[in-house]
C-alpha atoms as a PDB file:
ATOM      1  CA  MET A   1      44.089   3.540  23.339  1.00  0.00           C
ATOM      2  CA  ILE A   2      47.098   5.499  21.665  1.00  0.00           C
ATOM      3  CA  LEU A   3      48.964   5.213  25.020  1.00  0.00           C
ATOM      4  CA  PHE A   4      48.274   1.503  24.935  1.00  0.00           C
ATOM      5  CA  ILE A   5      49.562   0.912  21.507  1.00  0.00           C
ATOM      6  CA  LYS A   6      52.801   3.028  22.211  1.00  0.00           C
ATOM      7  CA  VAL A   7      53.623   0.849  25.241  1.00  0.00           C
ATOM      8  CA  LEU A   8      52.698  -2.069  23.145  1.00  0.00           C
ATOM      9  CA  LEU A   9      55.139  -1.095  20.254  1.00  0.00           C
ATOM     10  CA  LEU A  10      57.946  -0.196  22.555  1.00  0.00           C
ATOM     11  CA  PHE A  11      57.557  -3.620  24.238  1.00  0.00           C
ATOM     12  CA  LEU A  12      57.748  -5.515  20.980  1.00  0.00           C
ATOM     13  CA  ALA A  13      60.743  -2.972  19.639  1.00  0.00           C
ATOM     14  CA  ALA A  14      62.603  -4.010  23.000  1.00  0.00           C
ATOM     15  CA  GLU A  15      66.144  -6.031  22.017  1.00  0.00           C
ATOM     16  CA  ASP A  16      65.745  -7.912  25.534  1.00  0.00           C
ATOM     17  CA  LYS A  17      66.181 -11.424  24.443  1.00  0.00           C
ATOM     18  CA  THR A  18      64.273 -12.924  27.545  1.00  0.00           C
ATOM     19  CA  ILE A  19      60.945 -11.694  25.534  1.00  0.00           C
ATOM     20  CA  ASN A  20      60.175 -14.821  23.469  1.00  0.00           C
ATOM     21  CA  THR A  21      58.157 -15.149  20.462  1.00  0.00           C
ATOM     22  CA  MET A  22      55.289 -16.157  22.141  1.00  0.00           C
ATOM     23  CA  LYS A  23      54.675 -13.312  24.141  1.00  0.00           C
ATOM     24  CA  ARG A  24      55.349 -10.887  20.830  1.00  0.00           C
ATOM     25  CA  ASN A  25      52.838 -12.954  18.891  1.00  0.00           C
ATOM     26  CA  HIS A  26      50.356 -12.916  22.110  1.00  0.00           C
ATOM     27  CA  PHE A  27      50.467  -9.111  22.138  1.00  0.00           C
ATOM     28  CA  LEU A  28      50.302  -8.757  18.285  1.00  0.00           C
ATOM     29  CA  PHE A  29      47.114 -10.475  18.454  1.00  0.00           C
ATOM     30  CA  ILE A  30      45.705  -8.523  20.959  1.00  0.00           C
ATOM     31  CA  LEU A  31      46.931  -5.164  19.075  1.00  0.00           C
ATOM     32  CA  VAL A  32      44.962  -6.494  15.943  1.00  0.00           C
ATOM     33  CA  PHE A  33      41.909  -7.549  17.989  1.00  0.00           C
ATOM     34  CA  ALA A  34      41.693  -3.910  19.539  1.00  0.00           C
ATOM     35  CA  PHE A  35      41.973  -2.265  16.181  1.00  0.00           C
ATOM     36  CA  GLY A  36      39.320  -4.859  14.857  1.00  0.00           C
ATOM     37  CA  LEU A  37      37.004  -3.541  17.496  1.00  0.00           C
ATOM     38  CA  VAL A  38      37.487   0.091  16.836  1.00  0.00           C
ATOM     39  CA  ALA A  39      37.311  -0.560  12.929  1.00  0.00           C
ATOM     40  CA  CYS A  40      34.509  -2.691  12.879  1.00  0.00           C
ATOM     41  CA  GLU A  41      31.844  -0.252  14.982  1.00  0.00           C
ATOM     42  CA  ASN A  42      28.793   0.633  12.722  1.00  0.00           C
ATOM     43  CA  ASN A  43      27.350   3.818  13.183  1.00  0.00           C
ATOM     44  CA  SER A  44      24.955   3.151  10.178  1.00  0.00           C
ATOM     45  CA  ASN A  45      21.469   4.734  11.015  1.00  0.00           C
ATOM     46  CA  LYS A  46      19.924   3.531   7.459  1.00  0.00           C
ATOM     47  CA  GLN A  47      18.672   0.256   8.567  1.00  0.00           C
ATOM     48  CA  VAL A  48      15.087  -0.129   9.562  1.00  0.00           C
ATOM     49  CA  SER A  49      14.461  -1.777  12.730  1.00  0.00           C
ATOM     50  CA  THR A  50      12.346  -5.100  12.564  1.00  0.00           C
ATOM     51  CA  ASP A  51      10.244  -3.532  15.555  1.00  0.00           C
ATOM     52  CA  LEU A  52       8.311  -1.611  13.372  1.00  0.00           C
ATOM     53  CA  VAL A  53       6.798  -4.578  11.773  1.00  0.00           C
ATOM     54  CA  LYS A  54       6.634  -6.779  15.107  1.00  0.00           C
ATOM     55  CA  ASN A  55       5.366  -4.089  16.946  1.00  0.00           C
ATOM     56  CA  THR A  56       3.213  -1.996  14.523  1.00  0.00           C
ATOM     57  CA  LYS A  57       2.545   0.696  17.195  1.00  0.00           C
ATOM     58  CA  SER A  58       6.515   1.850  17.305  1.00  0.00           C
ATOM     59  CA  ALA A  59       6.013   2.221  13.229  1.00  0.00           C
ATOM     60  CA  VAL A  60       4.531   5.570  13.958  1.00  0.00           C
ATOM     61  CA  GLU A  61       6.297   8.013  16.092  1.00  0.00           C
ATOM     62  CA  HIS A  62       2.738   9.202  17.471  1.00  0.00           C
ATOM     63  CA  ALA A  63       0.678   6.614  17.157  1.00  0.00           C
ATOM     64  CA  GLU A  64      -2.565   8.463  16.698  1.00  0.00           C
ATOM     65  CA  LEU A  65      -5.875   7.187  15.271  1.00  0.00           C
ATOM     66  CA  GLY A  66      -5.483   7.372  11.374  1.00  0.00           C
ATOM     67  CA  THR A  67      -1.798   7.784  11.260  1.00  0.00           C
ATOM     68  CA  SER A  68      -0.711   4.331  10.841  1.00  0.00           C
ATOM     69  CA  PRO A  69       0.003   2.639   7.446  1.00  0.00           C
ATOM     70  CA  VAL A  70      -2.698   0.911   5.926  1.00  0.00           C
ATOM     71  CA  ILE A  71      -2.061  -1.613   2.718  1.00  0.00           C
ATOM     72  CA  SER A  72      -5.212  -1.782   0.462  1.00  0.00           C
ATOM     73  CA  PHE A  73      -5.107  -4.401  -2.167  1.00  0.00           C
ATOM     74  CA  GLU A  74      -7.460  -3.978  -5.405  1.00  0.00           C
ATOM     75  CA  LYS A  75      -8.055  -7.724  -4.873  1.00  0.00           C
ATOM     76  CA  VAL A  76      -6.518 -10.390  -2.689  1.00  0.00           C
ATOM     77  CA  ASN A  77      -7.504 -13.687  -4.858  1.00  0.00           C
ATOM     78  CA  HIS A  78      -6.620 -14.331  -8.269  1.00  0.00           C
ATOM     79  CA  ASP A  79      -7.625 -17.426 -10.216  1.00  0.00           C
ATOM     80  CA  PHE A  80      -5.505 -18.204 -13.537  1.00  0.00           C
ATOM     81  CA  GLY A  81      -8.079 -20.631 -14.556  1.00  0.00           C
ATOM     82  CA  ASP A  82      -6.890 -23.680 -16.623  1.00  0.00           C
ATOM     83  CA  VAL A  83      -2.963 -23.704 -16.831  1.00  0.00           C
ATOM     84  CA  ILE A  84      -0.712 -26.126 -18.901  1.00  0.00           C
ATOM     85  CA  GLN A  85       1.698 -28.329 -16.570  1.00  0.00           C
ATOM     86  CA  GLY A  86       5.076 -26.662 -16.966  1.00  0.00           C
ATOM     87  CA  GLU A  87       4.068 -23.155 -17.467  1.00  0.00           C
ATOM     88  CA  LYS A  88       5.093 -20.510 -15.503  1.00  0.00           C
ATOM     89  CA  VAL A  89       2.372 -17.816 -14.764  1.00  0.00           C
ATOM     90  CA  THR A  90       2.632 -14.377 -13.125  1.00  0.00           C
ATOM     91  CA  TYR A  91       0.186 -12.165 -11.695  1.00  0.00           C
ATOM     92  CA  ASN A  92       0.449  -8.296 -10.022  1.00  0.00           C
ATOM     93  CA  PHE A  93      -1.454  -7.589  -6.860  1.00  0.00           C
ATOM     94  CA  GLN A  94      -1.865  -3.808  -7.035  1.00  0.00           C
ATOM     95  CA  PHE A  95      -1.758  -2.139  -3.760  1.00  0.00           C
ATOM     96  CA  HIS A  96      -2.108   1.474  -2.285  1.00  0.00           C
ATOM     97  CA  ASN A  97      -0.862   2.856   0.963  1.00  0.00           C
ATOM     98  CA  THR A  98      -4.101   4.388   2.273  1.00  0.00           C
ATOM     99  CA  GLY A  99      -2.930   5.079   5.746  1.00  0.00           C
ATOM    100  CA  GLY A 100      -1.293   8.261   7.060  1.00  0.00           C
ATOM    101  CA  SER A 101       2.187   7.441   7.218  1.00  0.00           C
ATOM    102  CA  GLU A 102       4.884   5.475   5.383  1.00  0.00           C
ATOM    103  CA  LEU A 103       4.283   1.724   4.665  1.00  0.00           C
ATOM    104  CA  LEU A 104       7.205  -0.764   4.891  1.00  0.00           C
ATOM    105  CA  ILE A 105       6.832  -4.076   3.449  1.00  0.00           C
ATOM    106  CA  THR A 106       9.679  -6.351   4.769  1.00  0.00           C
ATOM    107  CA  LYS A 107       8.784  -9.731   3.878  1.00  0.00           C
ATOM    108  CA  VAL A 108       6.762 -11.918   1.378  1.00  0.00           C
ATOM    109  CA  SER A 109       6.550 -15.431   1.801  1.00  0.00           C
ATOM    110  CA  THR A 110       4.867 -18.044  -0.204  1.00  0.00           C
ATOM    111  CA  SER A 111       3.277 -21.406   0.907  1.00  0.00           C
ATOM    112  CA  CYS A 112       5.644 -23.349  -1.175  1.00  0.00           C
ATOM    113  CA  GLY A 113       8.697 -23.167  -3.257  1.00  0.00           C
ATOM    114  CA  CYS A 114       6.719 -23.177  -6.443  1.00  0.00           C
ATOM    115  CA  THR A 115       5.480 -19.642  -5.862  1.00  0.00           C
ATOM    116  CA  VAL A 116       8.021 -16.443  -5.931  1.00  0.00           C
ATOM    117  CA  GLY A 117       6.832 -13.042  -4.682  1.00  0.00           C
ATOM    118  CA  LYS A 118       8.489  -9.949  -5.534  1.00  0.00           C
ATOM    119  CA  TYR A 119       7.919  -6.727  -3.711  1.00  0.00           C
ATOM    120  CA  PRO A 120       8.951  -3.095  -3.491  1.00  0.00           C
ATOM    121  CA  ARG A 121      12.088  -2.637  -0.871  1.00  0.00           C
ATOM    122  CA  GLU A 122      11.427   1.107  -0.401  1.00  0.00           C
ATOM    123  CA  PRO A 123       8.927   2.758   2.041  1.00  0.00           C
ATOM    124  CA  ILE A 124       5.613   3.537   0.156  1.00  0.00           C
ATOM    125  CA  LYS A 125       4.394   7.236   0.872  1.00  0.00           C
ATOM    126  CA  PRO A 126       0.761   7.643   1.906  1.00  0.00           C
ATOM    127  CA  GLY A 127      -1.610   7.806  -1.199  1.00  0.00           C
ATOM    128  CA  GLN A 128       1.101   6.159  -3.293  1.00  0.00           C
ATOM    129  CA  GLY A 129       1.005   2.414  -4.420  1.00  0.00           C
ATOM    130  CA  GLY A 130       3.123  -0.431  -6.057  1.00  0.00           C
ATOM    131  CA  GLU A 131       2.687  -3.769  -6.916  1.00  0.00           C
ATOM    132  CA  ILE A 132       3.485  -7.410  -5.471  1.00  0.00           C
ATOM    133  CA  GLU A 133       4.416  -9.651  -8.454  1.00  0.00           C
ATOM    134  CA  VAL A 134       3.704 -13.675  -7.768  1.00  0.00           C
ATOM    135  CA  THR A 135       4.914 -16.103 -10.260  1.00  0.00           C
ATOM    136  CA  PHE A 136       3.493 -19.527  -9.687  1.00  0.00           C
ATOM    137  CA  ASP A 137       5.513 -22.526 -11.462  1.00  0.00           C
ATOM    138  CA  THR A 138       3.159 -25.340 -12.567  1.00  0.00           C
ATOM    139  CA  HIS A 139       6.246 -27.799 -13.216  1.00  0.00           C
ATOM    140  CA  ARG A 140       5.172 -31.249 -11.541  1.00  0.00           C
ATOM    141  CA  ARG A 141       2.133 -29.831 -10.308  1.00  0.00           C
ATOM    142  CA  LYS A 142      -1.625 -31.117 -11.583  1.00  0.00           C
ATOM    143  CA  GLY A 143      -5.130 -30.541 -10.603  1.00  0.00           C
ATOM    144  CA  ILE A 144      -6.302 -27.517  -8.766  1.00  0.00           C
ATOM    145  CA  GLN A 145      -3.549 -25.682  -6.855  1.00  0.00           C
ATOM    146  CA  ASN A 146      -4.281 -22.924  -4.192  1.00  0.00           C
ATOM    147  CA  LYS A 147      -1.332 -21.155  -2.992  1.00  0.00           C
ATOM    148  CA  THR A 148      -1.105 -18.441  -0.167  1.00  0.00           C
ATOM    149  CA  ILE A 149       1.369 -15.462  -0.249  1.00  0.00           C
ATOM    150  CA  THR A 150       1.749 -13.546   3.236  1.00  0.00           C
ATOM    151  CA  VAL A 151       2.676  -9.858   2.894  1.00  0.00           C
ATOM    152  CA  LEU A 152       4.211  -8.855   6.144  1.00  0.00           C
ATOM    153  CA  ALA A 153       4.350  -5.051   6.731  1.00  0.00           C
ATOM    154  CA  ASN A 154       4.207  -2.129   9.508  1.00  0.00           C
ATOM    155  CA  THR A 155       0.407  -2.128   9.354  1.00  0.00           C
ATOM    156  CA  GLU A 156      -2.162  -3.353  11.862  1.00  0.00           C
ATOM    157  CA  PRO A 157      -2.744  -6.195  11.563  1.00  0.00           C
ATOM    158  CA  ASN A 158       0.941  -6.880  10.241  1.00  0.00           C
ATOM    159  CA  ASN A 159       0.324  -9.431   7.807  1.00  0.00           C
ATOM    160  CA  THR A 160      -2.146  -9.591   5.048  1.00  0.00           C
ATOM    161  CA  GLN A 161      -2.637 -12.918   2.834  1.00  0.00           C
ATOM    162  CA  LEU A 162      -3.127 -13.141  -0.991  1.00  0.00           C
ATOM    163  CA  ARG A 163      -4.163 -15.921  -2.730  1.00  0.00           C
ATOM    164  CA  ILE A 164      -3.508 -17.686  -6.138  1.00  0.00           C
ATOM    165  CA  LYS A 165      -5.605 -20.480  -7.631  1.00  0.00           C
ATOM    166  CA  ALA A 166      -4.903 -22.686 -10.523  1.00  0.00           C
ATOM    167  CA  ASN A 167      -6.147 -25.709 -12.256  1.00  0.00           C
ATOM    168  CA  VAL A 168      -3.038 -27.305 -13.799  1.00  0.00           C
ATOM    169  CA  VAL A 169      -3.856 -29.811 -16.602  1.00  0.00           C
ATOM    170  CA  LEU A 170      -1.638 -31.885 -18.611  1.00  0.00           C
ATOM    171  CA  PRO A 171      -0.710 -31.076 -22.003  1.00  0.00           C
ATOM    172  CA  GLU A 172      -2.673 -32.904 -24.921  1.00  0.00           C
ATOM    173  CA  ASN A 173       0.305 -34.801 -26.240  1.00  0.00           C
ATOM    174  CA  GLN A 174       0.613 -36.816 -23.173  1.00  0.00           C
END
């Protein structure tokens, strides 16, 4: 690579009038591109592979019985009861890793845009716990509402469904 750069610089520095500007620009582009390839090389090992979630057998180096992470929720359903339309209500689903290796939650998705799920991004060690905060916005909703929250993790099976329910009522002044 260094030899290529030296030859290229000698070529560009040449006083020969037969070398036109177009050729020089072309070689400058190649030089910048070559530097870009070398500079953009990413040796970071800090990113976690999504294979851990898609193929939970790869989540544990030695996939022995009982060593996989297990997510255990205190409860998977929550009923907010009667809620006045326009309110935002929140519930925290508590969980523990009852398995034998680190639990990694990679995604929490909801069945509609009116529900938001917040979850821990760092691995949960065996025996430790955490919570998934679910907020339901009742704006423009009425009647009985059932929403599903899907937790994707490196467990077997790789997803767990949580459910919330609310009866959205109109304010008394309407």
